[in-house]
Amino acid sequence: MTSPTENFIEQMGLMTQAEGGPRIAGQILGYLIVEGEPRTLAQMTEALKISKASASTNARLLELKGSVRRVSPMGQRQDAYEALDFPNLAVIRALGERFRAHADTMTEIGAGFPESHAGARERVTRFAEFYRKTADFIDDWTAKLAEDPDLAATDRDDPR
């Protein structure tokens, strides 16, 4: 029989895995959400029964994705990680930034196609435009979400 805490952590791992991410990353996020306070890599390894290397790699991935942030609690030599109060807003913003960067890269590549490959240039440009329009949509969506007073209050803690 598992506790609600264990069940939540495991489900977060399975959901992350179903979305193509590492199961351990989802478990770490679930653990940090449940704990509600910064946790060191050592605490994560003990609680989740994972290696320190897995904890480190996956915590950094979550930080890169915008789900957690690294903090340095007073009096501790080790960095710790904490889940953002509303991590999904940060995750959505990070997704928009990645889509915009992909669009910029594809636009630059498309511009390099010679006239003899005009069809390829057009297809690459349309593909880039899809990413750019999606990034614009994500920007509009996060702005709308941030208008919610409850979300805006928790989002003030997000350093982005």
N, C-alpha and C. Protein backbone atom coordinates (compact mmCIF):
# COMPACT_ATOMS: atom_id res chain seq x y z
N MET A 1 0.86 -1.18 0.00
CA MET A 1 0.00 0.00 0.00
C MET A 1 0.90 1.24 0.00
N THR A 2 0.67 2.14 -0.91
CA THR A 2 1.47 3.36 -0.97
C THR A 2 0.70 4.52 -0.36
N SER A 3 1.46 5.46 0.16
CA SER A 3 0.87 6.66 0.74
C SER A 3 0.47 7.62 -0.39
N PRO A 4 -0.38 8.61 -0.08
CA PRO A 4 -0.70 9.62 -1.11
C PRO A 4 0.55 10.34 -1.61
N THR A 5 1.50 10.57 -0.74
CA THR A 5 2.75 11.23 -1.14
C THR A 5 3.50 10.38 -2.16
N GLU A 6 3.67 9.10 -1.85
CA GLU A 6 4.37 8.20 -2.77
C GLU A 6 3.61 8.07 -4.08
N ASN A 7 2.31 7.99 -4.00
CA ASN A 7 1.48 7.87 -5.19
C ASN A 7 1.63 9.12 -6.07
N PHE A 8 1.60 10.31 -5.46
CA PHE A 8 1.75 11.55 -6.23
C PHE A 8 3.10 11.61 -6.91
N ILE A 9 4.16 11.30 -6.15
CA ILE A 9 5.52 11.35 -6.72
C ILE A 9 5.64 10.37 -7.88
N GLU A 10 5.12 9.16 -7.71
CA GLU A 10 5.19 8.16 -8.78
C GLU A 10 4.37 8.60 -9.99
N GLN A 11 3.19 9.15 -9.77
CA GLN A 11 2.36 9.60 -10.89
C GLN A 11 3.03 10.74 -11.65
N MET A 12 3.68 11.64 -10.93
CA MET A 12 4.42 12.72 -11.60
C MET A 12 5.52 12.13 -12.48
N GLY A 13 6.18 11.09 -11.99
CA GLY A 13 7.20 10.41 -12.80
C GLY A 13 6.62 9.78 -14.03
N LEU A 14 5.50 9.10 -13.88
CA LEU A 14 4.86 8.44 -15.02
C LEU A 14 4.33 9.46 -16.03
N MET A 15 3.77 10.57 -15.55
CA MET A 15 3.27 11.61 -16.46
C MET A 15 4.42 12.22 -17.25
N THR A 16 5.53 12.49 -16.57
CA THR A 16 6.69 13.06 -17.25
C THR A 16 7.22 12.09 -18.29
N GLN A 17 7.28 10.81 -17.93
CA GLN A 17 7.76 9.79 -18.86
C GLN A 17 6.83 9.69 -20.08
N ALA A 18 5.53 9.77 -19.85
CA ALA A 18 4.56 9.69 -20.95
C ALA A 18 4.71 10.87 -21.91
N GLU A 19 5.23 12.00 -21.40
CA GLU A 19 5.45 13.18 -22.24
C GLU A 19 6.83 13.17 -22.89
N GLY A 20 7.58 12.07 -22.71
CA GLY A 20 8.88 11.94 -23.34
C GLY A 20 10.05 12.38 -22.48
N GLY A 21 9.80 12.72 -21.23
CA GLY A 21 10.87 13.14 -20.33
C GLY A 21 11.30 12.00 -19.44
N PRO A 22 12.35 12.23 -18.67
CA PRO A 22 12.82 11.20 -17.75
C PRO A 22 11.88 11.03 -16.55
N ARG A 23 11.59 9.80 -16.25
CA ARG A 23 10.71 9.49 -15.12
C ARG A 23 11.24 10.09 -13.82
N ILE A 24 12.55 10.02 -13.62
CA ILE A 24 13.14 10.54 -12.38
C ILE A 24 12.93 12.05 -12.28
N ALA A 25 12.96 12.76 -13.39
CA ALA A 25 12.71 14.21 -13.36
C ALA A 25 11.31 14.49 -12.81
N GLY A 26 10.35 13.74 -13.27
CA GLY A 26 8.99 13.91 -12.77
C GLY A 26 8.87 13.56 -11.30
N GLN A 27 9.59 12.52 -10.88
CA GLN A 27 9.58 12.14 -9.48
C GLN A 27 10.21 13.24 -8.61
N ILE A 28 11.29 13.82 -9.09
CA ILE A 28 11.93 14.91 -8.34
C ILE A 28 10.97 16.09 -8.23
N LEU A 29 10.31 16.45 -9.33
CA LEU A 29 9.36 17.56 -9.29
C LEU A 29 8.23 17.24 -8.31
N GLY A 30 7.70 16.03 -8.37
CA GLY A 30 6.66 15.63 -7.43
C GLY A 30 7.12 15.73 -5.99
N TYR A 31 8.33 15.27 -5.72
CA TYR A 31 8.90 15.33 -4.38
C TYR A 31 9.03 16.77 -3.91
N LEU A 32 9.54 17.65 -4.77
CA LEU A 32 9.71 19.05 -4.39
C LEU A 32 8.37 19.74 -4.17
N ILE A 33 7.37 19.39 -4.96
CA ILE A 33 6.04 19.98 -4.77
C ILE A 33 5.47 19.55 -3.42
N VAL A 34 5.57 18.27 -3.12
CA VAL A 34 5.03 17.75 -1.86
C VAL A 34 5.77 18.35 -0.66
N GLU A 35 7.09 18.43 -0.74
CA GLU A 35 7.88 18.94 0.38
C GLU A 35 7.63 20.42 0.63
N GLY A 36 7.51 21.20 -0.45
CA GLY A 36 7.20 22.62 -0.30
C GLY A 36 8.35 23.49 0.17
N GLU A 37 9.52 22.93 0.32
CA GLU A 37 10.71 23.68 0.75
C GLU A 37 11.90 23.20 -0.07
N PRO A 38 12.96 24.02 -0.13
CA PRO A 38 14.14 23.60 -0.87
C PRO A 38 14.70 22.28 -0.33
N ARG A 39 15.18 21.44 -1.25
CA ARG A 39 15.78 20.16 -0.90
C ARG A 39 17.10 20.01 -1.63
N THR A 40 18.10 19.50 -0.93
CA THR A 40 19.41 19.29 -1.52
C THR A 40 19.40 18.00 -2.35
N LEU A 41 20.44 17.83 -3.14
CA LEU A 41 20.58 16.59 -3.91
C LEU A 41 20.66 15.39 -2.97
N ALA A 42 21.35 15.54 -1.85
CA ALA A 42 21.47 14.45 -0.89
C ALA A 42 20.09 14.06 -0.34
N GLN A 43 19.26 15.04 -0.06
CA GLN A 43 17.92 14.75 0.43
C GLN A 43 17.09 14.05 -0.64
N MET A 44 17.25 14.49 -1.89
CA MET A 44 16.52 13.85 -2.99
C MET A 44 16.94 12.39 -3.16
N THR A 45 18.25 12.16 -3.12
CA THR A 45 18.74 10.79 -3.32
C THR A 45 18.24 9.86 -2.23
N GLU A 46 18.20 10.34 -1.03
CA GLU A 46 17.73 9.51 0.08
C GLU A 46 16.22 9.26 -0.02
N ALA A 47 15.46 10.29 -0.27
CA ALA A 47 14.00 10.16 -0.30
C ALA A 47 13.52 9.33 -1.49
N LEU A 48 14.17 9.50 -2.63
CA LEU A 48 13.70 8.85 -3.86
C LEU A 48 14.47 7.58 -4.20
N LYS A 49 15.51 7.28 -3.44
CA LYS A 49 16.33 6.08 -3.68
C LYS A 49 16.93 6.10 -5.08
N ILE A 50 17.54 7.24 -5.42
CA ILE A 50 18.20 7.40 -6.72
C ILE A 50 19.64 7.81 -6.48
N SER A 51 20.45 7.73 -7.51
CA SER A 51 21.85 8.12 -7.37
C SER A 51 21.97 9.64 -7.35
N LYS A 52 23.08 10.12 -6.81
CA LYS A 52 23.31 11.56 -6.78
C LYS A 52 23.45 12.11 -8.20
N ALA A 53 24.06 11.31 -9.08
CA ALA A 53 24.21 11.75 -10.47
C ALA A 53 22.84 11.93 -11.13
N SER A 54 21.92 10.98 -10.89
CA SER A 54 20.56 11.11 -11.45
C SER A 54 19.84 12.31 -10.86
N ALA A 55 19.99 12.51 -9.56
CA ALA A 55 19.36 13.66 -8.93
C ALA A 55 19.89 14.95 -9.53
N SER A 56 21.20 15.04 -9.69
CA SER A 56 21.82 16.25 -10.22
C SER A 56 21.40 16.51 -11.66
N THR A 57 21.51 15.50 -12.49
CA THR A 57 21.17 15.64 -13.91
C THR A 57 19.71 16.05 -14.10
N ASN A 58 18.82 15.40 -13.39
CA ASN A 58 17.39 15.66 -13.56
C ASN A 58 16.95 16.96 -12.90
N ALA A 59 17.57 17.34 -11.80
CA ALA A 59 17.25 18.63 -11.17
C ALA A 59 17.68 19.77 -12.10
N ARG A 60 18.85 19.63 -12.73
CA ARG A 60 19.29 20.66 -13.67
C ARG A 60 18.38 20.73 -14.89
N LEU A 61 17.89 19.58 -15.35
CA LEU A 61 16.94 19.56 -16.46
C LEU A 61 15.66 20.29 -16.08
N LEU A 62 15.15 20.03 -14.89
CA LEU A 62 13.94 20.71 -14.42
C LEU A 62 14.17 22.22 -14.29
N GLU A 63 15.37 22.58 -13.87
CA GLU A 63 15.71 24.01 -13.77
C GLU A 63 15.72 24.64 -15.16
N LEU A 64 16.32 23.96 -16.11
CA LEU A 64 16.36 24.44 -17.49
C LEU A 64 14.97 24.58 -18.08
N LYS A 65 14.08 23.65 -17.76
CA LYS A 65 12.72 23.68 -18.28
C LYS A 65 11.84 24.70 -17.57
N GLY A 66 12.30 25.23 -16.43
CA GLY A 66 11.54 26.25 -15.72
C GLY A 66 10.58 25.71 -14.68
N SER A 67 10.75 24.46 -14.26
CA SER A 67 9.87 23.88 -13.25
C SER A 67 10.37 24.10 -11.83
N VAL A 68 11.68 24.18 -11.68
CA VAL A 68 12.28 24.37 -10.36
C VAL A 68 13.33 25.47 -10.46
N ARG A 69 13.76 25.94 -9.32
CA ARG A 69 14.88 26.89 -9.30
C ARG A 69 15.87 26.44 -8.25
N ARG A 70 17.12 26.79 -8.50
CA ARG A 70 18.20 26.48 -7.57
C ARG A 70 18.30 27.61 -6.56
N VAL A 71 18.43 27.26 -5.30
CA VAL A 71 18.57 28.24 -4.23
C VAL A 71 19.75 27.85 -3.36
N SER A 72 20.26 28.81 -2.63
CA SER A 72 21.36 28.56 -1.69
C SER A 72 20.92 29.00 -0.31
N PRO A 73 20.29 28.09 0.43
CA PRO A 73 19.79 28.45 1.77
C PRO A 73 20.93 28.92 2.68
N MET A 74 20.63 29.90 3.52
CA MET A 74 21.61 30.42 4.47
C MET A 74 22.12 29.28 5.35
N GLY A 75 23.42 29.27 5.56
CA GLY A 75 24.01 28.28 6.44
C GLY A 75 24.28 26.93 5.81
N GLN A 76 23.93 26.76 4.53
CA GLN A 76 24.19 25.49 3.85
C GLN A 76 25.23 25.69 2.77
N ARG A 77 26.12 24.73 2.64
CA ARG A 77 27.13 24.81 1.60
C ARG A 77 26.61 24.26 0.28
N GLN A 78 25.62 23.41 0.34
CA GLN A 78 25.08 22.80 -0.87
C GLN A 78 23.94 23.64 -1.44
N ASP A 79 23.86 23.63 -2.75
CA ASP A 79 22.69 24.22 -3.39
C ASP A 79 21.50 23.30 -3.13
N ALA A 80 20.36 23.88 -3.20
CA ALA A 80 19.11 23.12 -3.07
C ALA A 80 18.20 23.54 -4.20
N TYR A 81 17.17 22.77 -4.41
CA TYR A 81 16.19 23.07 -5.45
C TYR A 81 14.81 23.15 -4.82
N GLU A 82 13.99 24.01 -5.41
CA GLU A 82 12.60 24.10 -4.97
C GLU A 82 11.70 24.23 -6.19
N ALA A 83 10.51 23.68 -6.07
CA ALA A 83 9.53 23.81 -7.14
C ALA A 83 8.99 25.23 -7.11
N LEU A 84 8.75 25.79 -8.26
CA LEU A 84 8.11 27.10 -8.32
C LEU A 84 6.67 26.95 -7.85
N ASP A 85 6.13 28.02 -7.27
CA ASP A 85 4.76 27.95 -6.76
C ASP A 85 3.78 27.57 -7.86
N PHE A 86 3.98 28.10 -9.04
CA PHE A 86 3.15 27.74 -10.18
C PHE A 86 4.09 27.42 -11.34
N PRO A 87 4.71 26.22 -11.30
CA PRO A 87 5.75 25.92 -12.28
C PRO A 87 5.26 25.88 -13.71
N ASN A 88 3.99 25.58 -13.93
CA ASN A 88 3.53 25.44 -15.30
C ASN A 88 3.62 26.75 -16.09
N LEU A 89 3.45 27.89 -15.43
CA LEU A 89 3.58 29.16 -16.12
C LEU A 89 5.02 29.36 -16.60
N ALA A 90 5.97 29.03 -15.75
CA ALA A 90 7.38 29.13 -16.14
C ALA A 90 7.71 28.14 -17.24
N VAL A 91 7.15 26.95 -17.17
CA VAL A 91 7.38 25.94 -18.19
C VAL A 91 6.83 26.41 -19.53
N ILE A 92 5.64 27.00 -19.50
CA ILE A 92 5.03 27.49 -20.74
C ILE A 92 5.86 28.63 -21.32
N ARG A 93 6.32 29.54 -20.46
CA ARG A 93 7.18 30.63 -20.96
C ARG A 93 8.45 30.09 -21.59
N ALA A 94 9.08 29.12 -20.93
CA ALA A 94 10.31 28.53 -21.47
C ALA A 94 10.05 27.85 -22.81
N LEU A 95 8.89 27.21 -22.94
CA LEU A 95 8.52 26.59 -24.22
C LEU A 95 8.42 27.65 -25.31
N GLY A 96 7.78 28.77 -25.00
CA GLY A 96 7.68 29.86 -25.98
C GLY A 96 9.05 30.38 -26.40
N GLU A 97 9.94 30.51 -25.43
CA GLU A 97 11.30 30.97 -25.74
C GLU A 97 12.02 29.98 -26.65
N ARG A 98 11.86 28.69 -26.37
CA ARG A 98 12.50 27.67 -27.22
C ARG A 98 11.91 27.69 -28.62
N PHE A 99 10.58 27.82 -28.75
CA PHE A 99 9.95 27.87 -30.07
C PHE A 99 10.44 29.09 -30.85
N ARG A 100 10.58 30.22 -30.18
CA ARG A 100 11.04 31.43 -30.87
C ARG A 100 12.49 31.25 -31.34
N ALA A 101 13.32 30.64 -30.51
CA ALA A 101 14.71 30.39 -30.90
C ALA A 101 14.77 29.43 -32.08
N HIS A 102 13.91 28.40 -32.09
CA HIS A 102 13.86 27.47 -33.23
C HIS A 102 13.43 28.21 -34.50
N ALA A 103 12.44 29.09 -34.36
CA ALA A 103 11.98 29.85 -35.52
C ALA A 103 13.10 30.71 -36.07
N ASP A 104 13.84 31.37 -35.20
CA ASP A 104 14.95 32.23 -35.64
C ASP A 104 16.00 31.41 -36.38
N THR A 105 16.33 30.25 -35.82
CA THR A 105 17.33 29.38 -36.45
C THR A 105 16.87 28.92 -37.83
N MET A 106 15.61 28.47 -37.93
CA MET A 106 15.10 27.99 -39.21
C MET A 106 14.98 29.11 -40.23
N THR A 107 14.62 30.31 -39.78
CA THR A 107 14.53 31.46 -40.68
C THR A 107 15.90 31.77 -41.28
N GLU A 108 16.91 31.75 -40.42
CA GLU A 108 18.28 32.01 -40.88
C GLU A 108 18.73 30.95 -41.89
N ILE A 109 18.45 29.71 -41.60
CA ILE A 109 18.83 28.63 -42.52
C ILE A 109 18.07 28.76 -43.83
N GLY A 110 16.76 29.04 -43.74
CA GLY A 110 15.95 29.19 -44.95
C GLY A 110 16.46 30.28 -45.86
N ALA A 111 16.93 31.36 -45.27
CA ALA A 111 17.44 32.48 -46.08
C ALA A 111 18.69 32.09 -46.87
N GLY A 112 19.36 31.03 -46.43
CA GLY A 112 20.58 30.61 -47.11
C GLY A 112 20.35 29.72 -48.31
N PHE A 113 19.11 29.29 -48.55
CA PHE A 113 18.84 28.44 -49.71
C PHE A 113 18.95 29.28 -50.98
N PRO A 114 19.64 28.76 -51.99
CA PRO A 114 19.75 29.51 -53.25
C PRO A 114 18.43 29.51 -54.02
N GLU A 115 18.34 30.37 -54.98
CA GLU A 115 17.13 30.48 -55.80
C GLU A 115 16.80 29.13 -56.46
N SER A 116 17.82 28.35 -56.77
CA SER A 116 17.58 27.05 -57.40
C SER A 116 16.84 26.08 -56.47
N HIS A 117 16.78 26.42 -55.19
CA HIS A 117 16.07 25.59 -54.20
C HIS A 117 14.95 26.41 -53.55
N ALA A 118 14.25 27.19 -54.38
CA ALA A 118 13.20 28.08 -53.87
C ALA A 118 12.09 27.30 -53.16
N GLY A 119 11.75 26.11 -53.66
CA GLY A 119 10.71 25.31 -53.02
C GLY A 119 11.12 24.89 -51.62
N ALA A 120 12.36 24.45 -51.46
CA ALA A 120 12.86 24.06 -50.13
C ALA A 120 12.88 25.27 -49.20
N ARG A 121 13.34 26.42 -49.73
CA ARG A 121 13.38 27.64 -48.92
C ARG A 121 11.97 28.00 -48.43
N GLU A 122 10.98 27.88 -49.30
CA GLU A 122 9.61 28.21 -48.93
C GLU A 122 9.09 27.26 -47.86
N ARG A 123 9.37 25.97 -47.99
CA ARG A 123 8.91 24.99 -46.99
C ARG A 123 9.58 25.24 -45.64
N VAL A 124 10.86 25.53 -45.65
CA VAL A 124 11.58 25.81 -44.40
C VAL A 124 11.04 27.10 -43.78
N THR A 125 10.77 28.09 -44.59
CA THR A 125 10.23 29.36 -44.10
C THR A 125 8.85 29.15 -43.48
N ARG A 126 8.00 28.35 -44.11
CA ARG A 126 6.68 28.06 -43.53
C ARG A 126 6.81 27.32 -42.21
N PHE A 127 7.75 26.39 -42.14
CA PHE A 127 7.99 25.65 -40.91
C PHE A 127 8.44 26.61 -39.80
N ALA A 128 9.34 27.53 -40.14
CA ALA A 128 9.80 28.54 -39.18
C ALA A 128 8.64 29.41 -38.72
N GLU A 129 7.77 29.76 -39.66
CA GLU A 129 6.63 30.62 -39.32
C GLU A 129 5.67 29.91 -38.37
N PHE A 130 5.52 28.61 -38.53
CA PHE A 130 4.71 27.84 -37.58
C PHE A 130 5.27 28.00 -36.17
N TYR A 131 6.57 27.85 -36.02
CA TYR A 131 7.20 27.99 -34.70
C TYR A 131 7.05 29.41 -34.17
N ARG A 132 7.19 30.41 -35.04
CA ARG A 132 7.08 31.80 -34.60
C ARG A 132 5.64 32.12 -34.15
N LYS A 133 4.66 31.68 -34.93
CA LYS A 133 3.26 31.93 -34.57
C LYS A 133 2.89 31.18 -33.29
N THR A 134 3.43 29.99 -33.12
CA THR A 134 3.19 29.24 -31.89
C THR A 134 3.81 29.95 -30.70
N ALA A 135 5.00 30.49 -30.86
CA ALA A 135 5.65 31.27 -29.79
C ALA A 135 4.81 32.49 -29.44
N ASP A 136 4.27 33.17 -30.46
CA ASP A 136 3.40 34.33 -30.21
C ASP A 136 2.16 33.90 -29.43
N PHE A 137 1.57 32.78 -29.82
CA PHE A 137 0.39 32.26 -29.12
C PHE A 137 0.73 31.97 -27.65
N ILE A 138 1.87 31.34 -27.43
CA ILE A 138 2.29 31.01 -26.07
C ILE A 138 2.50 32.28 -25.26
N ASP A 139 3.11 33.30 -25.86
CA ASP A 139 3.29 34.58 -25.16
C ASP A 139 1.94 35.18 -24.75
N ASP A 140 0.99 35.17 -25.69
CA ASP A 140 -0.35 35.71 -25.40
C ASP A 140 -1.03 34.89 -24.29
N TRP A 141 -0.87 33.59 -24.36
CA TRP A 141 -1.50 32.70 -23.39
C TRP A 141 -0.92 32.92 -21.99
N THR A 142 0.40 33.02 -21.89
CA THR A 142 1.01 33.23 -20.57
C THR A 142 0.62 34.60 -20.02
N ALA A 143 0.51 35.59 -20.88
CA ALA A 143 0.08 36.91 -20.41
C ALA A 143 -1.34 36.83 -19.85
N LYS A 144 -2.20 36.08 -20.53
CA LYS A 144 -3.57 35.92 -20.04
C LYS A 144 -3.59 35.15 -18.71
N LEU A 145 -2.81 34.09 -18.61
CA LEU A 145 -2.74 33.33 -17.36
C LEU A 145 -2.22 34.20 -16.22
N ALA A 146 -1.25 35.05 -16.53
CA ALA A 146 -0.65 35.91 -15.50
C ALA A 146 -1.62 36.97 -15.00
N GLU A 147 -2.71 37.24 -15.75
CA GLU A 147 -3.73 38.19 -15.30
C GLU A 147 -4.54 37.65 -14.13
N ASP A 148 -4.54 36.33 -13.96
CA ASP A 148 -5.25 35.71 -12.84
C ASP A 148 -4.55 36.12 -11.55
N PRO A 149 -5.24 36.78 -10.62
CA PRO A 149 -4.59 37.28 -9.40
C PRO A 149 -3.87 36.20 -8.60
N ASP A 150 -4.44 34.99 -8.55
CA ASP A 150 -3.79 33.92 -7.80
C ASP A 150 -2.49 33.48 -8.48
N LEU A 151 -2.53 33.38 -9.80
CA LEU A 151 -1.34 32.98 -10.53
C LEU A 151 -0.30 34.09 -10.53
N ALA A 152 -0.74 35.31 -10.69
CA ALA A 152 0.18 36.45 -10.72
C ALA A 152 0.91 36.58 -9.38
N ALA A 153 0.23 36.31 -8.28
CA ALA A 153 0.86 36.41 -6.96
C ALA A 153 1.97 35.39 -6.82
N THR A 154 1.75 34.16 -7.28
CA THR A 154 2.79 33.15 -7.15
C THR A 154 3.87 33.34 -8.20
N ASP A 155 3.52 33.92 -9.34
CA ASP A 155 4.48 34.11 -10.41
C ASP A 155 5.50 35.20 -10.06
N ARG A 156 5.20 36.06 -9.12
CA ARG A 156 6.17 37.11 -8.74
C ARG A 156 7.45 36.50 -8.19
N ASP A 157 7.35 35.29 -7.68
CA ASP A 157 8.54 34.61 -7.15
C ASP A 157 9.42 34.04 -8.26
N ASP A 158 8.88 33.96 -9.47
CA ASP A 158 9.63 33.42 -10.60
C ASP A 158 10.63 34.46 -11.07
N PRO A 159 11.94 34.14 -11.07
CA PRO A 159 12.95 35.12 -11.43
C PRO A 159 13.02 35.45 -12.91
N ARG A 160 12.27 34.79 -13.77
CA ARG A 160 12.36 35.05 -15.22
C ARG A 160 11.74 36.37 -15.57
